[in-house]
Structure formats: structure tokens, C-alpha cells
């Protein structure tokens, strides 16, 4: 036999939320600036690399250029790509203010 459970009376005794509380909840759900739980902090440049991973397919020419560039720079292939990405991003950000 199934035992039916009845909800406690506490649900009926709850007060109606104020419009400010409703807006704060909606902003938090949307990830808006009014979210009290999220503190905006910049990403750590020295953090461990477990945030995202991507697979990058290369053709033969691109891969050979990667191997040669890594060998000439004394870096691993992955570190060479990371370094090139960071240098290029820095150059583009610096050039953004010139226009």
C-alpha cells in the first residue's frame, strides 16, 4: 500500500516577494550585474589549464610550420601556439586604441 505524504503548512505561510526581490532574482538568473552571488574577478593567467580544451586540425604545411617554429623557439608545439596566441592578442589590443 502506498503511503501518501501531505505537504507541511509552511508553504502557505510564506510571504509574497517584493518587486525588488523579484527583480534581484531575475537579474541573478540572467547573470546580470545585479547578481549578489557572483563577484567579477579577472581570470588568473597562471591558473591550471583545465578550463577548456579544443582540437585543432592542421594540414601538412601548417603542421610542418608549427614543428619548425617550435624547434626554432625552443618551445613545445603546444607552448608555441599558446605563446603566439598571447603575443597576437596583446598586439591587437594595443593596436585597437590607435584607430
Protein backbone atom coordinates (compact mmCIF):
# COMPACT_ATOMS: atom_id res chain seq x y z
CA UNK A 1 0.00 0.00 0.00
CA UNK A 2 1.26 3.46 -0.90
CA UNK A 3 1.73 5.94 1.90
CA UNK A 4 0.56 9.36 0.74
CA UNK A 5 2.53 12.32 2.02
CA UNK A 6 0.96 15.67 2.64
CA UNK A 7 2.94 18.92 2.43
CA UNK A 8 3.51 20.84 5.63
CA UNK A 9 1.63 24.06 6.24
CA UNK A 10 4.82 26.15 5.96
CA UNK A 11 4.34 26.68 2.21
CA UNK A 12 1.09 28.56 2.74
CA UNK A 13 2.60 30.81 5.42
CA UNK A 14 5.28 32.28 3.14
CA UNK A 15 5.07 35.99 2.43
CA UNK A 16 4.65 37.32 -1.09
CA UNK A 17 8.02 38.53 -2.56
CA UNK A 18 8.50 42.25 -3.09
CA UNK A 19 9.08 43.66 -6.61
CA UNK A 20 12.72 44.37 -5.65
CA UNK A 21 13.22 40.74 -4.65
CA UNK A 22 11.67 39.59 -7.92
CA UNK A 23 13.98 41.86 -9.95
CA UNK A 24 17.05 40.73 -7.97
CA UNK A 25 16.11 37.09 -8.59
CA UNK A 26 15.55 37.68 -12.31
CA UNK A 27 18.86 39.52 -12.64
CA UNK A 28 20.64 36.67 -10.89
CA UNK A 29 19.06 34.07 -13.17
CA UNK A 30 20.05 36.06 -16.26
CA UNK A 31 23.59 36.52 -14.94
CA UNK A 32 23.12 40.28 -14.82
CA UNK A 33 25.14 42.82 -12.88
CA UNK A 34 22.65 42.74 -10.02
CA UNK A 35 23.59 39.20 -9.11
CA UNK A 36 24.78 39.27 -5.49
CA UNK A 37 26.36 35.82 -5.62
CA UNK A 38 28.83 36.46 -8.44
CA UNK A 39 31.88 38.60 -7.86
CA UNK A 40 33.54 39.73 -11.07
CA UNK A 41 37.22 38.90 -10.83
CA UNK A 42 39.70 38.74 -13.68
CA UNK A 43 40.91 35.31 -14.80
CA UNK A 44 44.25 34.17 -13.38
CA UNK A 45 46.97 33.97 -16.04
CA UNK A 46 48.87 31.33 -14.03
CA UNK A 47 45.91 29.07 -13.24
CA UNK A 48 45.99 25.39 -14.15
CA UNK A 49 44.80 24.64 -17.66
CA UNK A 50 41.59 22.72 -17.10
CA UNK A 51 39.03 25.35 -18.18
CA UNK A 52 38.54 24.49 -21.87
CA UNK A 53 40.16 22.25 -24.44
CA UNK A 54 39.98 22.42 -28.21
CA UNK A 55 41.03 20.13 -31.04
CA UNK A 56 42.74 21.94 -33.89
CA UNK A 57 43.12 20.06 -37.17
CA UNK A 58 46.13 21.07 -39.31
CA UNK A 59 47.06 20.36 -42.89
CA UNK A 60 50.56 19.09 -43.60
CA UNK A 61 52.03 22.53 -44.38
CA UNK A 62 50.64 24.14 -41.21
CA UNK A 63 51.88 21.28 -39.06
CA UNK A 64 55.38 21.50 -40.55
CA UNK A 65 55.42 25.25 -39.86
CA UNK A 66 54.35 24.53 -36.27
CA UNK A 67 57.12 21.96 -35.82
CA UNK A 68 59.77 24.28 -37.31
CA UNK A 69 58.62 27.28 -35.30
CA UNK A 70 58.58 25.29 -32.07
CA UNK A 71 62.05 23.91 -32.75
CA UNK A 72 63.47 27.36 -33.57
CA UNK A 73 61.94 28.93 -30.47
CA UNK A 74 62.90 26.10 -28.14
CA UNK A 75 59.30 25.64 -27.05
CA UNK A 76 56.96 22.68 -27.22
CA UNK A 77 54.38 22.76 -30.00
CA UNK A 78 51.57 23.48 -27.57
CA UNK A 79 53.54 26.19 -25.75
CA UNK A 80 54.47 27.72 -29.11
CA UNK A 81 50.79 28.01 -30.04
CA UNK A 82 49.87 29.46 -26.64
CA UNK A 83 52.71 31.99 -26.82
CA UNK A 84 51.80 33.03 -30.38
CA UNK A 85 48.15 33.47 -29.36
CA UNK A 86 49.06 35.65 -26.36
CA UNK A 87 51.50 37.80 -28.36
CA UNK A 88 48.98 38.28 -31.16
CA UNK A 89 46.19 39.16 -28.71
CA UNK A 90 48.41 41.72 -26.98
CA UNK A 91 49.36 43.30 -30.35
CA UNK A 92 45.72 43.50 -31.42
CA UNK A 93 44.65 45.06 -28.11
CA UNK A 94 47.45 47.64 -28.34
CA UNK A 95 46.52 48.46 -31.94
CA UNK A 96 42.85 48.81 -31.05
CA UNK A 97 43.46 52.16 -29.38
CA UNK A 98 45.29 53.62 -32.41
CA UNK A 99 42.27 53.74 -34.75
